[in-house]
Structures are given as C-alpha cells and as structure tokens.
Amino acid sequence: MTEQIELTHTDRKLLLALKKDSRASVTTLSGEIGVARATIQASIKRLVEAGGIQRLTNDIDPIKERDFGRAGMRIEV
C-alpha cells in the first residue's frame, strides 16, 4: 500500500544513509544517525509500508553466485 507520509528528520537521514550503503545493518545505521535501533527498525517499516522504500534486495553477480553454491562430496565404501 502506498500512502503519503511526512518524512521526519530521522527518515531523511536514514534514506541518505541507505543510498550511501544499502547493505548497512540496523545497528550501523542507528550509530551513524544517532538514534536507537528500534527507531531505525520502526522507520524502515513505516517507509516500506508507505512505499518510500520500494524493495529490499541483494544484487549478486550471477557468475559469482554460481561459485558460492559449489560443494563437493566424496563417499567411499
């Protein structure tokens, strides 16, 4: 659901921090912005629900991803 919300000072700082490093942890973001982790979590939830943050994703290189899943097994009887 997309709704119009008023961005707080914390919301603005959070969005700027996420633009800079979208993989930053909630703990890192709370330290950088200077608010509690719960405040960051609530802000992220509110921004997602309002459509301000449209998706949370990982961009993984498909070629490298293929290598992540490789495993070998050898069984001798």
Protein backbone atom coordinates (compact mmCIF):
# COMPACT_ATOMS: atom_id res chain seq x y z
CA MET A 1 0.00 0.00 0.00
CA THR A 2 1.35 3.43 -0.91
CA GLU A 3 0.38 6.38 1.24
CA GLN A 4 1.75 9.87 1.60
CA ILE A 5 3.68 10.40 4.82
CA GLU A 6 5.58 13.28 6.34
CA LEU A 7 9.28 12.45 6.48
CA THR A 8 10.93 13.05 9.83
CA HIS A 9 14.50 14.27 10.23
CA THR A 10 15.43 10.67 11.11
CA ASP A 11 13.68 9.35 7.97
CA ARG A 12 15.67 11.74 5.80
CA LYS A 13 18.97 10.79 7.43
CA LEU A 14 18.07 7.11 7.12
CA LEU A 15 17.28 7.39 3.41
CA LEU A 16 20.56 9.23 2.78
CA ALA A 17 22.49 6.58 4.73
CA LEU A 18 20.78 3.77 2.79
CA LYS A 19 21.59 5.49 -0.52
CA LYS A 20 25.22 5.55 0.54
CA ASP A 21 25.26 1.91 1.76
CA SER A 22 22.08 -0.09 1.26
CA ARG A 23 23.66 -3.10 2.97
CA ALA A 24 24.32 -1.31 6.27
CA SER A 25 22.95 -3.10 9.32
CA VAL A 26 20.32 -1.57 11.56
CA THR A 27 22.98 -1.32 14.27
CA THR A 28 25.33 0.56 11.94
CA LEU A 29 22.55 2.86 10.80
CA SER A 30 21.44 3.63 14.35
CA GLY A 31 25.02 4.52 15.33
CA GLU A 32 25.52 6.68 12.26
CA ILE A 33 22.23 8.52 12.69
CA GLY A 34 22.38 8.66 16.48
CA VAL A 35 19.09 7.00 17.37
CA ALA A 36 18.07 3.66 18.88
CA ARG A 37 17.94 0.50 16.76
CA ALA A 38 14.20 0.24 17.45
CA THR A 39 13.74 3.73 15.98
CA ILE A 40 15.54 2.69 12.78
CA GLN A 41 13.51 -0.52 12.54
CA ALA A 42 10.25 1.38 13.02
CA SER A 43 11.27 3.99 10.46
CA ILE A 44 12.20 1.34 7.89
CA LYS A 45 8.89 -0.46 8.46
CA ARG A 46 6.91 2.78 8.08
CA LEU A 47 8.80 3.77 4.92
CA VAL A 48 8.28 0.33 3.35
CA GLU A 49 4.56 0.35 4.17
CA ALA A 50 4.21 3.87 2.74
CA GLY A 51 6.12 2.97 -0.43
CA GLY A 52 9.10 5.23 0.33
CA ILE A 53 11.33 2.18 0.30
CA GLN A 54 10.08 0.03 -2.53
CA ARG A 55 12.25 -3.04 -2.17
CA LEU A 56 14.94 -4.52 -0.03
CA THR A 57 17.19 -6.66 -2.14
CA ASN A 58 20.62 -8.09 -2.71
CA ASP A 59 22.32 -7.63 -6.05
CA ILE A 60 24.55 -10.64 -6.55
CA ASP A 61 26.65 -11.21 -9.64
CA PRO A 62 25.14 -14.38 -11.23
CA ILE A 63 28.57 -15.69 -12.17
CA LYS A 64 29.89 -15.27 -8.63
CA GLU A 65 26.66 -16.63 -7.15
CA ARG A 66 27.22 -19.85 -9.08
CA ASP A 67 30.55 -20.25 -7.28
CA PHE A 68 29.01 -19.64 -3.85
CA GLY A 69 26.85 -22.74 -4.15
CA ARG A 70 29.55 -25.17 -5.15
CA ALA A 71 30.29 -28.01 -2.83
CA GLY A 72 31.99 -31.32 -3.28
CA MET A 73 31.37 -34.62 -1.62
CA ARG A 74 33.17 -37.88 -1.96
CA ILE A 75 31.88 -41.08 -0.46
CA GLU A 76 33.92 -44.23 -0.43
CA VAL A 77 32.52 -47.56 0.62
